[in-house]
């Protein structure tokens, strides 16, 4: 499968390139517990990949959001700070970035993570000289599964919303956001979602790791 070299690869960084999903679930558990609310970690894990501005409402409704949302988010950020040292690149993550660029595509990392966390991830991947640009939570008001983050990522490169683009993510929320933005979505399984639900959400292909995708890139729209 081949496309023009003007294709833009929009890659999620937090959870797709960096092994961080389960750390985020634990951080949310600790943050909510700090404000007197306890939810099973498995329920929180199911929401990872959704923007942090939506997690509290998703797990406990609008009343919980009004009562503890801001405090929980602030604490979640601090909990992530404590776990950053344990977050490492997934197998082949940097190889994937290099493989995309070697094929002549433009590359932007789309993340709604806090800027200080994204900075750490960029350093862990040694990605600053590879990627064309990246986003953080400061760039968007509405996060995934809304398409805004992906649209902002395209704008970072001066591309129109209908530019030829492909999303690489790890969750059903990534796939939903890509669908709303009119992008095909490729998924790595690091999000912990089942193949059936990822396909149902609209994923066009699944791979175990970024490295596996890098090796199979010529079989994808990023050939």
N, C-alpha and C. Protein backbone atom coordinates (compact mmCIF):
# COMPACT_ATOMS: atom_id res chain seq x y z
N UNK A 1 0.85 -1.19 0.00
CA UNK A 1 0.00 0.00 0.00
C UNK A 1 0.89 1.24 0.00
N UNK A 2 0.72 2.14 -0.97
CA UNK A 2 1.60 3.30 -1.03
C UNK A 2 0.79 4.58 -1.06
N UNK A 3 1.38 5.64 -0.53
CA UNK A 3 0.77 6.95 -0.52
C UNK A 3 1.86 7.96 -0.85
N UNK A 4 1.48 9.21 -0.99
CA UNK A 4 2.46 10.24 -1.30
C UNK A 4 3.29 10.53 -0.06
N UNK A 5 4.46 11.09 -0.27
CA UNK A 5 5.37 11.40 0.83
C UNK A 5 4.87 12.55 1.68
N UNK A 6 3.79 13.20 1.27
CA UNK A 6 3.26 14.32 2.04
C UNK A 6 2.36 13.88 3.19
N UNK A 7 2.22 12.57 3.37
CA UNK A 7 1.40 12.07 4.47
C UNK A 7 1.97 12.54 5.80
N UNK A 8 1.08 12.90 6.72
CA UNK A 8 1.50 13.30 8.06
C UNK A 8 1.18 12.17 9.03
N UNK A 9 2.19 11.72 9.75
CA UNK A 9 2.00 10.72 10.80
C UNK A 9 1.79 11.44 12.12
N UNK A 10 0.62 11.22 12.71
CA UNK A 10 0.28 11.83 14.00
C UNK A 10 0.35 10.72 15.06
N UNK A 11 1.39 10.74 15.86
CA UNK A 11 1.61 9.67 16.84
C UNK A 11 1.31 10.16 18.25
N UNK A 12 0.50 9.39 18.96
CA UNK A 12 0.37 9.60 20.39
C UNK A 12 1.71 9.24 21.02
N UNK A 13 2.09 9.95 22.06
CA UNK A 13 3.38 9.65 22.70
C UNK A 13 3.19 8.93 24.03
N UNK A 14 2.22 9.39 24.81
CA UNK A 14 2.02 8.90 26.17
C UNK A 14 1.17 7.63 26.16
N UNK A 15 1.83 6.47 26.27
CA UNK A 15 1.12 5.20 26.23
C UNK A 15 1.34 4.43 24.93
N UNK A 16 1.64 5.17 23.86
CA UNK A 16 1.89 4.54 22.55
C UNK A 16 3.38 4.34 22.33
N UNK A 17 4.16 5.37 22.63
CA UNK A 17 5.62 5.28 22.51
C UNK A 17 6.28 5.07 23.87
N UNK A 18 5.67 5.62 24.90
CA UNK A 18 6.17 5.47 26.27
C UNK A 18 5.24 4.55 27.04
N UNK A 19 5.80 3.58 27.76
CA UNK A 19 5.00 2.61 28.53
C UNK A 19 4.52 3.28 29.81
N UNK A 20 3.33 3.89 29.75
CA UNK A 20 2.87 4.73 30.85
C UNK A 20 1.41 4.52 31.24
N UNK A 21 0.67 3.71 30.50
CA UNK A 21 -0.76 3.62 30.74
C UNK A 21 -1.11 3.13 32.14
N UNK A 22 -0.44 2.10 32.59
CA UNK A 22 -0.77 1.55 33.90
C UNK A 22 -0.28 2.45 35.02
N UNK A 23 0.78 3.19 34.77
CA UNK A 23 1.23 4.19 35.73
C UNK A 23 0.17 5.29 35.89
N UNK A 24 -0.42 5.70 34.76
CA UNK A 24 -1.46 6.72 34.83
C UNK A 24 -2.69 6.22 35.59
N UNK A 25 -3.05 4.96 35.38
CA UNK A 25 -4.18 4.41 36.13
C UNK A 25 -3.91 4.45 37.62
N UNK A 26 -2.72 4.07 38.02
CA UNK A 26 -2.36 4.11 39.44
C UNK A 26 -2.32 5.54 39.95
N UNK A 27 -1.83 6.46 39.14
CA UNK A 27 -1.79 7.87 39.54
C UNK A 27 -3.19 8.41 39.76
N UNK A 28 -4.13 8.05 38.89
CA UNK A 28 -5.51 8.48 39.08
C UNK A 28 -6.10 7.86 40.34
N UNK A 29 -5.81 6.60 40.58
CA UNK A 29 -6.30 5.94 41.80
C UNK A 29 -5.82 6.70 43.04
N UNK A 30 -4.55 7.01 43.09
CA UNK A 30 -3.99 7.70 44.24
C UNK A 30 -4.54 9.11 44.37
N UNK A 31 -4.70 9.79 43.21
CA UNK A 31 -5.20 11.15 43.24
C UNK A 31 -6.64 11.20 43.75
N UNK A 32 -7.48 10.32 43.25
CA UNK A 32 -8.88 10.30 43.70
C UNK A 32 -8.98 9.88 45.16
N UNK A 33 -8.14 8.93 45.56
CA UNK A 33 -8.16 8.51 46.96
C UNK A 33 -7.75 9.66 47.88
N UNK A 34 -6.87 10.52 47.40
CA UNK A 34 -6.41 11.66 48.21
C UNK A 34 -7.52 12.66 48.49
N UNK A 35 -8.57 12.65 47.66
CA UNK A 35 -9.71 13.54 47.89
C UNK A 35 -10.92 12.75 48.40
N UNK A 36 -10.66 11.55 48.89
CA UNK A 36 -11.72 10.77 49.54
C UNK A 36 -12.57 9.92 48.63
N UNK A 37 -12.11 9.69 47.40
CA UNK A 37 -12.89 8.89 46.45
C UNK A 37 -12.07 7.69 46.00
N UNK A 38 -12.63 6.50 46.14
CA UNK A 38 -11.90 5.28 45.79
C UNK A 38 -12.64 4.54 44.68
N UNK A 39 -11.95 4.32 43.58
CA UNK A 39 -12.50 3.58 42.44
C UNK A 39 -11.52 2.47 42.08
N UNK A 40 -12.01 1.31 41.65
CA UNK A 40 -11.11 0.23 41.27
C UNK A 40 -10.16 0.66 40.15
N UNK A 41 -8.92 0.23 40.26
CA UNK A 41 -7.92 0.62 39.27
C UNK A 41 -8.32 0.16 37.88
N UNK A 42 -8.98 -1.00 37.79
CA UNK A 42 -9.35 -1.49 36.44
C UNK A 42 -10.32 -0.54 35.76
N UNK A 43 -11.21 0.09 36.53
CA UNK A 43 -12.13 1.05 35.92
C UNK A 43 -11.38 2.28 35.43
N UNK A 44 -10.42 2.71 36.20
CA UNK A 44 -9.63 3.87 35.80
C UNK A 44 -8.78 3.56 34.57
N UNK A 45 -8.24 2.33 34.54
CA UNK A 45 -7.44 1.95 33.38
C UNK A 45 -8.24 2.03 32.08
N UNK A 46 -9.50 1.68 32.15
CA UNK A 46 -10.34 1.70 30.95
C UNK A 46 -10.50 3.11 30.39
N UNK A 47 -10.18 4.13 31.19
CA UNK A 47 -10.34 5.51 30.76
C UNK A 47 -9.02 6.15 30.32
N UNK A 48 -7.90 5.44 30.52
CA UNK A 48 -6.61 6.02 30.15
C UNK A 48 -6.52 6.12 28.63
N UNK A 49 -6.09 7.28 28.19
CA UNK A 49 -6.12 7.61 26.76
C UNK A 49 -7.15 8.69 26.50
N UNK A 50 -8.15 8.73 27.36
CA UNK A 50 -9.09 9.85 27.36
C UNK A 50 -8.39 11.04 28.02
N UNK A 51 -8.72 12.24 27.61
CA UNK A 51 -8.10 13.41 28.21
C UNK A 51 -8.38 13.52 29.69
N UNK A 52 -7.38 14.00 30.43
CA UNK A 52 -7.53 14.13 31.87
C UNK A 52 -8.66 15.05 32.28
N UNK A 53 -9.05 15.96 31.40
CA UNK A 53 -10.16 16.86 31.72
C UNK A 53 -11.50 16.13 31.74
N UNK A 54 -11.52 14.88 31.23
CA UNK A 54 -12.78 14.15 31.13
C UNK A 54 -12.86 12.93 32.04
N UNK A 55 -11.72 12.53 32.62
CA UNK A 55 -11.67 11.28 33.37
C UNK A 55 -12.57 11.29 34.59
N UNK A 56 -12.55 12.37 35.36
CA UNK A 56 -13.33 12.39 36.60
C UNK A 56 -14.82 12.29 36.31
N UNK A 57 -15.29 13.01 35.31
CA UNK A 57 -16.70 12.92 34.93
C UNK A 57 -17.03 11.52 34.44
N UNK A 58 -16.12 10.94 33.65
CA UNK A 58 -16.37 9.61 33.10
C UNK A 58 -16.48 8.55 34.19
N UNK A 59 -15.69 8.68 35.24
CA UNK A 59 -15.70 7.65 36.28
C UNK A 59 -16.76 7.88 37.33
N UNK A 60 -17.12 9.15 37.58
CA UNK A 60 -18.05 9.41 38.69
C UNK A 60 -19.15 10.40 38.43
N UNK A 61 -19.25 10.90 37.20
CA UNK A 61 -20.34 11.82 36.88
C UNK A 61 -20.00 13.28 37.12
N UNK A 62 -20.92 14.15 36.71
CA UNK A 62 -20.69 15.59 36.77
C UNK A 62 -20.60 16.10 38.20
N UNK A 63 -21.33 15.47 39.11
CA UNK A 63 -21.28 15.91 40.51
C UNK A 63 -19.89 15.72 41.08
N UNK A 64 -19.27 14.58 40.78
CA UNK A 64 -17.91 14.33 41.25
C UNK A 64 -16.94 15.32 40.63
N UNK A 65 -17.12 15.60 39.35
CA UNK A 65 -16.26 16.57 38.68
C UNK A 65 -16.35 17.94 39.35
N UNK A 66 -17.56 18.39 39.64
CA UNK A 66 -17.72 19.70 40.28
C UNK A 66 -17.06 19.73 41.65
N UNK A 67 -17.15 18.63 42.36
CA UNK A 67 -16.70 18.60 43.74
C UNK A 67 -15.20 18.42 43.89
N UNK A 68 -14.60 17.54 43.07
CA UNK A 68 -13.18 17.23 43.29
C UNK A 68 -12.33 17.28 42.03
N UNK A 69 -12.94 17.59 40.87
CA UNK A 69 -12.22 17.47 39.61
C UNK A 69 -10.89 18.19 39.56
N UNK A 70 -10.88 19.47 39.87
CA UNK A 70 -9.64 20.24 39.77
C UNK A 70 -8.58 19.73 40.75
N UNK A 71 -9.00 19.43 41.97
CA UNK A 71 -8.04 18.93 42.96
C UNK A 71 -7.47 17.58 42.56
N UNK A 72 -8.34 16.72 42.02
CA UNK A 72 -7.88 15.39 41.61
C UNK A 72 -6.90 15.49 40.46
N UNK A 73 -7.16 16.38 39.50
CA UNK A 73 -6.25 16.52 38.36
C UNK A 73 -4.88 17.05 38.80
N UNK A 74 -4.90 18.04 39.69
CA UNK A 74 -3.63 18.57 40.17
C UNK A 74 -2.83 17.49 40.89
N UNK A 75 -3.51 16.70 41.71
CA UNK A 75 -2.82 15.65 42.44
C UNK A 75 -2.35 14.54 41.49
N UNK A 76 -3.17 14.26 40.46
CA UNK A 76 -2.77 13.24 39.50
C UNK A 76 -1.46 13.62 38.81
N UNK A 77 -1.33 14.90 38.50
CA UNK A 77 -0.08 15.36 37.90
C UNK A 77 1.11 15.15 38.81
N UNK A 78 0.90 15.40 40.10
CA UNK A 78 1.99 15.18 41.06
C UNK A 78 2.31 13.70 41.22
N UNK A 79 1.27 12.87 41.16
CA UNK A 79 1.50 11.43 41.26
C UNK A 79 2.28 10.92 40.05
N UNK A 80 1.98 11.48 38.87
CA UNK A 80 2.74 11.10 37.67
C UNK A 80 4.19 11.52 37.81
N UNK A 81 4.42 12.71 38.40
CA UNK A 81 5.80 13.16 38.63
C UNK A 81 6.60 12.09 39.37
N UNK A 82 5.96 11.47 40.36
CA UNK A 82 6.64 10.47 41.19
C UNK A 82 6.90 9.17 40.43
N UNK A 83 6.16 8.95 39.36
CA UNK A 83 6.27 7.69 38.61
C UNK A 83 7.07 7.82 37.32
N UNK A 84 7.49 9.04 36.98
CA UNK A 84 8.15 9.27 35.70
C UNK A 84 9.38 8.41 35.49
N UNK A 85 10.15 8.18 36.54
CA UNK A 85 11.38 7.41 36.40
C UNK A 85 11.10 5.97 35.97
N UNK A 86 9.89 5.49 36.23
CA UNK A 86 9.54 4.12 35.88
C UNK A 86 8.95 4.00 34.48
N UNK A 87 8.74 5.12 33.81
CA UNK A 87 8.15 5.11 32.48
C UNK A 87 9.26 5.09 31.43
N UNK A 88 9.28 4.04 30.63
CA UNK A 88 10.35 3.87 29.64
C UNK A 88 9.75 3.73 28.24
N UNK A 89 10.54 4.00 27.21
CA UNK A 89 10.05 3.79 25.85
C UNK A 89 9.67 2.33 25.63
N UNK A 90 8.59 2.12 24.89
CA UNK A 90 8.19 0.78 24.51
C UNK A 90 9.15 0.25 23.44
N UNK A 91 9.25 -1.08 23.30
CA UNK A 91 10.19 -1.65 22.35
C UNK A 91 10.03 -1.08 20.94
N UNK A 92 11.12 -0.56 20.40
CA UNK A 92 11.11 -0.06 19.02
C UNK A 92 10.47 1.30 18.84
N UNK A 93 10.21 2.04 19.93
CA UNK A 93 9.51 3.32 19.81
C UNK A 93 10.31 4.30 18.95
N UNK A 94 11.60 4.45 19.25
CA UNK A 94 12.39 5.38 18.45
C UNK A 94 12.59 4.86 17.03
N UNK A 95 12.70 3.54 16.89
CA UNK A 95 12.82 2.95 15.56
C UNK A 95 11.63 3.32 14.68
N UNK A 96 10.47 3.37 15.29
CA UNK A 96 9.26 3.73 14.53
C UNK A 96 9.35 5.18 14.04
N UNK A 97 9.79 6.07 14.92
CA UNK A 97 9.93 7.47 14.52
C UNK A 97 10.90 7.60 13.34
N UNK A 98 12.02 6.92 13.45
CA UNK A 98 13.04 6.97 12.40
C UNK A 98 12.50 6.39 11.09
N UNK A 99 11.77 5.27 11.19
CA UNK A 99 11.24 4.61 10.00
C UNK A 99 10.24 5.50 9.28
N UNK A 100 9.41 6.20 10.04
CA UNK A 100 8.43 7.11 9.44
C UNK A 100 9.14 8.24 8.70
N UNK A 101 10.15 8.82 9.33
CA UNK A 101 10.86 9.93 8.70
C UNK A 101 11.67 9.48 7.49
N UNK A 102 12.24 8.27 7.56
CA UNK A 102 13.02 7.76 6.44
C UNK A 102 12.18 7.59 5.19
N UNK A 103 10.88 7.41 5.37
CA UNK A 103 9.98 7.27 4.22
C UNK A 103 9.47 8.61 3.72
N UNK A 104 9.97 9.68 4.27
CA UNK A 104 9.65 11.01 3.76
C UNK A 104 8.41 11.64 4.32
N UNK A 105 7.81 11.03 5.35
CA UNK A 105 6.60 11.59 5.93
C UNK A 105 6.93 12.66 6.96
N UNK A 106 6.00 13.56 7.16
CA UNK A 106 6.12 14.49 8.27
C UNK A 106 5.57 13.82 9.53
N UNK A 107 6.07 14.24 10.68
CA UNK A 107 5.79 13.52 11.92
C UNK A 107 5.54 14.50 13.05
N UNK A 108 4.38 14.36 13.67
CA UNK A 108 4.04 15.20 14.82
C UNK A 108 3.55 14.31 15.95
N UNK A 109 4.01 14.58 17.15
CA UNK A 109 3.58 13.82 18.32
C UNK A 109 2.43 14.55 18.98
N UNK A 110 1.30 13.88 19.11
CA UNK A 110 0.09 14.50 19.65
C UNK A 110 -0.15 13.99 21.06
N UNK A 111 -0.03 14.88 22.03
CA UNK A 111 -0.25 14.49 23.42
C UNK A 111 -1.00 15.59 24.15
N UNK A 112 -1.91 15.17 25.03
CA UNK A 112 -2.57 16.13 25.92
C UNK A 112 -1.99 16.05 27.32
N UNK A 113 -0.82 15.42 27.45
CA UNK A 113 -0.13 15.36 28.73
C UNK A 113 0.40 16.74 29.10
N UNK A 114 0.68 16.94 30.39
CA UNK A 114 1.23 18.20 30.82
C UNK A 114 2.62 18.41 30.23
N UNK A 115 2.96 19.68 29.99
CA UNK A 115 4.18 19.98 29.26
C UNK A 115 5.41 19.37 29.92
N UNK A 116 5.49 19.42 31.24
CA UNK A 116 6.68 18.90 31.91
C UNK A 116 6.84 17.40 31.70
N UNK A 117 5.72 16.70 31.54
CA UNK A 117 5.79 15.27 31.29
C UNK A 117 6.19 14.99 29.83
N UNK A 118 5.63 15.75 28.91
CA UNK A 118 5.98 15.58 27.50
C UNK A 118 7.47 15.84 27.29
N UNK A 119 8.02 16.84 27.98
CA UNK A 119 9.44 17.14 27.85
C UNK A 119 10.29 15.93 28.26
N UNK A 120 9.89 15.26 29.34
CA UNK A 120 10.62 14.07 29.78
C UNK A 120 10.53 12.97 28.73
N UNK A 121 9.33 12.77 28.18
CA UNK A 121 9.13 11.72 27.19
C UNK A 121 9.96 11.98 25.93
N UNK A 122 10.01 13.22 25.50
CA UNK A 122 10.80 13.57 24.32
C UNK A 122 12.28 13.23 24.55
N UNK A 123 12.75 13.51 25.76
CA UNK A 123 14.14 13.21 26.08
C UNK A 123 14.38 11.70 26.14
N UNK A 124 13.42 10.96 26.71
CA UNK A 124 13.58 9.51 26.81
C UNK A 124 13.67 8.87 25.41
N UNK A 125 12.94 9.45 24.47
CA UNK A 125 12.93 8.93 23.11
C UNK A 125 14.04 9.52 22.24
N UNK A 126 14.73 10.54 22.78
CA UNK A 126 15.72 11.26 21.99
C UNK A 126 15.10 11.68 20.66
N UNK A 127 13.92 12.30 20.77
CA UNK A 127 13.07 12.52 19.59
C UNK A 127 13.06 13.94 19.06
N UNK A 128 13.67 14.87 19.76
CA UNK A 128 13.52 16.28 19.37
C UNK A 128 14.06 16.57 17.97
N UNK A 129 15.11 15.85 17.57
CA UNK A 129 15.70 16.10 16.26
C UNK A 129 15.06 15.24 15.16
N UNK A 130 14.10 14.40 15.55
CA UNK A 130 13.44 13.54 14.56
C UNK A 130 12.08 14.10 14.17
N UNK A 131 11.28 14.47 15.18
CA UNK A 131 9.91 14.88 14.92
C UNK A 131 9.87 16.32 14.43
N UNK A 132 8.79 16.65 13.71
CA UNK A 132 8.62 18.01 13.21
C UNK A 132 8.01 18.93 14.24
N UNK A 133 7.19 18.37 15.14
CA UNK A 133 6.60 19.19 16.20
C UNK A 133 5.87 18.27 17.16
N UNK A 134 5.30 18.87 18.22
CA UNK A 134 4.54 18.08 19.19
C UNK A 134 3.55 18.99 19.90
N UNK A 135 2.59 18.40 20.57
CA UNK A 135 1.59 19.15 21.33
C UNK A 135 1.67 18.76 22.80
N UNK A 136 1.05 19.61 23.64
CA UNK A 136 0.88 19.31 25.06
C UNK A 136 -0.53 19.74 25.46
N UNK A 137 -0.85 19.57 26.74
CA UNK A 137 -2.18 19.95 27.23
C UNK A 137 -2.45 21.44 27.03
N UNK A 138 -1.40 22.24 26.94
CA UNK A 138 -1.58 23.68 26.77
C UNK A 138 -2.12 24.05 25.40
N UNK A 139 -2.10 23.11 24.47
CA UNK A 139 -2.51 23.41 23.10
C UNK A 139 -3.99 23.22 22.83
N UNK A 140 -4.71 22.53 23.72
CA UNK A 140 -6.10 22.22 23.44
C UNK A 140 -6.97 22.41 24.67
N UNK A 141 -8.26 22.70 24.41
CA UNK A 141 -9.24 22.78 25.49
C UNK A 141 -10.04 21.49 25.58
N UNK A 142 -10.34 20.88 24.45
CA UNK A 142 -11.11 19.62 24.43
C UNK A 142 -10.19 18.49 24.02
N UNK A 143 -10.05 17.49 24.89
CA UNK A 143 -9.11 16.40 24.62
C UNK A 143 -9.85 15.17 24.11
N UNK A 144 -9.08 14.11 23.82
CA UNK A 144 -9.67 12.88 23.28
C UNK A 144 -10.76 12.33 24.20
N UNK A 145 -11.84 11.81 23.60
CA UNK A 145 -12.00 11.40 22.20
C UNK A 145 -12.43 12.50 21.23
N UNK A 146 -12.48 13.77 21.67
CA UNK A 146 -12.71 14.86 20.72
C UNK A 146 -11.54 14.92 19.74
N UNK A 147 -11.76 15.39 18.53
CA UNK A 147 -10.70 15.41 17.51
C UNK A 147 -9.76 16.59 17.62
N UNK A 148 -10.01 17.51 18.54
CA UNK A 148 -9.29 18.78 18.59
C UNK A 148 -7.77 18.62 18.63
N UNK A 149 -7.29 17.67 19.45
CA UNK A 149 -5.85 17.49 19.59
C UNK A 149 -5.20 17.12 18.27
N UNK A 150 -5.84 16.25 17.52
CA UNK A 150 -5.28 15.83 16.24
C UNK A 150 -5.33 16.97 15.22
N UNK A 151 -6.39 17.75 15.28
CA UNK A 151 -6.50 18.90 14.38
C UNK A 151 -5.44 19.95 14.70
N UNK A 152 -5.18 20.16 15.99
CA UNK A 152 -4.12 21.09 16.39
C UNK A 152 -2.76 20.57 15.94
N UNK A 153 -2.57 19.26 16.03
CA UNK A 153 -1.30 18.67 15.60
C UNK A 153 -1.05 18.97 14.12
N UNK A 154 -2.09 18.86 13.30
CA UNK A 154 -1.94 19.18 11.87
C UNK A 154 -1.62 20.66 11.68
N UNK A 155 -2.29 21.51 12.45
CA UNK A 155 -2.06 22.95 12.33
C UNK A 155 -0.62 23.31 12.71
N UNK A 156 -0.05 22.55 13.64
CA UNK A 156 1.34 22.80 14.05
C UNK A 156 2.28 22.71 12.85
N UNK A 157 1.92 21.88 11.86
CA UNK A 157 2.74 21.72 10.67
C UNK A 157 2.24 22.56 9.51
N UNK A 158 1.24 23.40 9.79
CA UNK A 158 0.69 24.24 8.74
C UNK A 158 -0.16 23.49 7.74
N UNK A 159 -0.66 22.32 8.15
CA UNK A 159 -1.46 21.48 7.25
C UNK A 159 -2.94 21.75 7.42
N UNK A 160 -3.73 21.65 6.36
CA UNK A 160 -5.18 21.80 6.47
C UNK A 160 -5.80 20.58 7.11
N UNK A 161 -7.03 20.69 7.63
CA UNK A 161 -7.69 19.55 8.28
C UNK A 161 -7.84 18.33 7.38
N UNK A 162 -7.89 18.55 6.05
CA UNK A 162 -8.08 17.42 5.13
C UNK A 162 -6.76 16.90 4.57
N UNK A 163 -5.64 17.26 5.20
CA UNK A 163 -4.34 16.76 4.74
C UNK A 163 -4.28 15.24 4.88
N UNK A 164 -3.52 14.61 4.02
CA UNK A 164 -3.33 13.17 4.11
C UNK A 164 -2.59 12.86 5.41
N UNK A 165 -3.24 12.09 6.29
CA UNK A 165 -2.67 11.87 7.61
C UNK A 165 -3.09 10.51 8.16
N UNK A 166 -2.29 10.00 9.08
CA UNK A 166 -2.55 8.72 9.73
C UNK A 166 -2.27 8.89 11.22
N UNK A 167 -3.14 8.35 12.06
CA UNK A 167 -2.96 8.39 13.50
C UNK A 167 -2.41 7.06 14.00
N UNK A 168 -1.44 7.10 14.91
CA UNK A 168 -0.97 5.91 15.59
C UNK A 168 -1.20 6.11 17.08
N UNK A 169 -2.03 5.23 17.68
CA UNK A 169 -2.35 5.36 19.09
C UNK A 169 -2.38 4.01 19.78
N UNK A 170 -3.01 3.98 20.96
CA UNK A 170 -3.01 2.74 21.74
C UNK A 170 -4.33 2.45 22.43
N UNK A 171 -5.34 3.30 22.23
CA UNK A 171 -6.60 3.13 22.95
C UNK A 171 -7.80 3.35 22.05
N UNK A 172 -8.95 2.92 22.51
CA UNK A 172 -10.19 3.18 21.77
C UNK A 172 -10.43 4.69 21.66
N UNK A 173 -9.94 5.45 22.65
CA UNK A 173 -10.13 6.91 22.63
C UNK A 173 -9.32 7.53 21.51
N UNK A 174 -8.13 6.99 21.25
CA UNK A 174 -7.34 7.46 20.11
C UNK A 174 -8.05 7.18 18.80
N UNK A 175 -8.60 5.98 18.68
CA UNK A 175 -9.28 5.59 17.45
C UNK A 175 -10.51 6.46 17.22
N UNK A 176 -11.25 6.72 18.29
CA UNK A 176 -12.45 7.56 18.18
C UNK A 176 -12.07 8.98 17.76
N UNK A 177 -11.03 9.52 18.36
CA UNK A 177 -10.58 10.87 18.00
C UNK A 177 -10.15 10.91 16.53
N UNK A 178 -9.42 9.88 16.09
CA UNK A 178 -8.98 9.82 14.70
C UNK A 178 -10.17 9.76 13.76
N UNK A 179 -11.16 8.95 14.11
CA UNK A 179 -12.35 8.83 13.28
C UNK A 179 -13.03 10.19 13.12
N UNK A 180 -13.15 10.91 14.21
CA UNK A 180 -13.80 12.23 14.17
C UNK A 180 -12.98 13.25 13.39
N UNK A 181 -11.66 13.02 13.35
CA UNK A 181 -10.79 13.93 12.60
C UNK A 181 -10.62 13.49 11.16
N UNK A 182 -11.23 12.37 10.79
CA UNK A 182 -11.14 11.87 9.42
C UNK A 182 -9.83 11.18 9.09
N UNK A 183 -9.17 10.63 10.11
CA UNK A 183 -7.89 9.93 9.92
C UNK A 183 -8.06 8.44 10.13
N UNK A 184 -7.38 7.59 9.33
CA UNK A 184 -7.29 6.18 9.69
C UNK A 184 -6.42 6.03 10.93
N UNK A 185 -6.68 5.00 11.73
CA UNK A 185 -5.94 4.81 12.98
C UNK A 185 -5.29 3.43 13.02
N UNK A 186 -4.00 3.42 13.29
CA UNK A 186 -3.24 2.21 13.56
C UNK A 186 -3.00 2.16 15.07
N UNK A 187 -3.09 0.96 15.65
CA UNK A 187 -3.01 0.86 17.11
C UNK A 187 -1.95 -0.14 17.55
N UNK A 188 -1.19 0.24 18.58
CA UNK A 188 -0.34 -0.72 19.28
C UNK A 188 -1.07 -1.14 20.55
N UNK A 189 -0.82 -2.36 21.00
CA UNK A 189 -1.65 -2.97 22.04
C UNK A 189 -1.27 -2.54 23.46
N UNK A 190 -0.39 -1.58 23.61
CA UNK A 190 0.07 -1.17 24.94
C UNK A 190 -1.02 -0.52 25.78
N UNK A 191 -2.12 -0.15 25.15
CA UNK A 191 -3.23 0.43 25.91
C UNK A 191 -4.00 -0.59 26.73
N UNK A 192 -3.82 -1.88 26.41
CA UNK A 192 -4.50 -2.93 27.16
C UNK A 192 -5.93 -3.17 26.75
N UNK A 193 -6.35 -2.63 25.61
CA UNK A 193 -7.70 -2.86 25.11
C UNK A 193 -7.72 -4.13 24.26
N UNK A 194 -8.89 -4.76 24.18
CA UNK A 194 -9.02 -5.98 23.39
C UNK A 194 -9.03 -5.70 21.90
N UNK A 195 -8.53 -6.67 21.14
CA UNK A 195 -8.52 -6.50 19.68
C UNK A 195 -9.91 -6.25 19.13
N UNK A 196 -10.90 -6.94 19.70
CA UNK A 196 -12.26 -6.80 19.18
C UNK A 196 -12.77 -5.39 19.36
N UNK A 197 -12.54 -4.79 20.51
CA UNK A 197 -13.06 -3.43 20.72
C UNK A 197 -12.26 -2.39 19.94
N UNK A 198 -10.98 -2.64 19.71
CA UNK A 198 -10.20 -1.72 18.89
C UNK A 198 -10.65 -1.77 17.43
N UNK A 199 -10.89 -2.99 16.92
CA UNK A 199 -11.41 -3.12 15.56
C UNK A 199 -12.80 -2.50 15.45
N UNK A 200 -13.63 -2.74 16.46
CA UNK A 200 -14.99 -2.18 16.44
C UNK A 200 -14.95 -0.66 16.44
N UNK A 201 -13.99 -0.08 17.17
CA UNK A 201 -13.86 1.37 17.20
C UNK A 201 -13.41 1.93 15.85
N UNK A 202 -12.74 1.07 15.05
CA UNK A 202 -12.34 1.50 13.71
C UNK A 202 -10.86 1.38 13.39
N UNK A 203 -10.08 0.75 14.27
CA UNK A 203 -8.65 0.59 13.99
C UNK A 203 -8.45 -0.23 12.71
N UNK A 204 -7.53 0.22 11.87
CA UNK A 204 -7.32 -0.48 10.60
C UNK A 204 -6.25 -1.56 10.72
N UNK A 205 -5.41 -1.49 11.76
CA UNK A 205 -4.37 -2.49 11.97
C UNK A 205 -3.90 -2.44 13.41
N UNK A 206 -3.47 -3.60 13.93
CA UNK A 206 -3.00 -3.71 15.31
C UNK A 206 -1.61 -4.34 15.34
N UNK A 207 -0.77 -3.83 16.23
CA UNK A 207 0.58 -4.37 16.41
C UNK A 207 0.89 -4.43 17.90
N UNK A 208 1.72 -5.39 18.29
CA UNK A 208 2.05 -5.53 19.71
C UNK A 208 2.86 -4.35 20.23
N UNK A 209 3.85 -3.91 19.45
CA UNK A 209 4.75 -2.84 19.91
C UNK A 209 5.02 -1.86 18.77
N UNK A 210 5.54 -0.68 19.10
CA UNK A 210 5.96 0.24 18.05
C UNK A 210 7.00 -0.39 17.12
N UNK A 211 7.89 -1.23 17.68
CA UNK A 211 8.88 -1.88 16.86
C UNK A 211 8.27 -2.82 15.84
N UNK A 212 7.20 -3.52 16.24
CA UNK A 212 6.51 -4.39 15.29
C UNK A 212 5.89 -3.57 14.15
N UNK A 213 5.34 -2.44 14.49
CA UNK A 213 4.78 -1.56 13.46
C UNK A 213 5.88 -1.04 12.56
N UNK A 214 7.01 -0.67 13.13
CA UNK A 214 8.12 -0.16 12.32
C UNK A 214 8.55 -1.19 11.27
N UNK A 215 8.61 -2.46 11.66
CA UNK A 215 9.02 -3.51 10.74
C UNK A 215 7.98 -3.76 9.66
N UNK A 216 6.70 -3.46 9.97
CA UNK A 216 5.63 -3.73 9.02
C UNK A 216 5.11 -2.46 8.34
N UNK A 217 5.87 -1.38 8.44
CA UNK A 217 5.38 -0.08 7.99
C UNK A 217 4.99 -0.08 6.52
N UNK A 218 5.67 -0.88 5.71
CA UNK A 218 5.37 -0.90 4.28
C UNK A 218 4.03 -1.58 3.97
N UNK A 219 3.42 -2.18 4.98
CA UNK A 219 2.10 -2.78 4.80
C UNK A 219 0.98 -1.86 5.28
N UNK A 220 1.32 -0.63 5.59
CA UNK A 220 0.36 0.32 6.16
C UNK A 220 0.26 1.56 5.27
N UNK A 221 -0.65 2.47 5.57
CA UNK A 221 -0.72 3.73 4.80
C UNK A 221 0.50 4.62 4.96
N UNK A 222 1.46 4.20 5.83
CA UNK A 222 2.71 4.95 5.97
C UNK A 222 3.85 4.26 5.23
N UNK A 223 3.52 3.49 4.20
CA UNK A 223 4.56 2.83 3.40
C UNK A 223 5.48 3.86 2.78
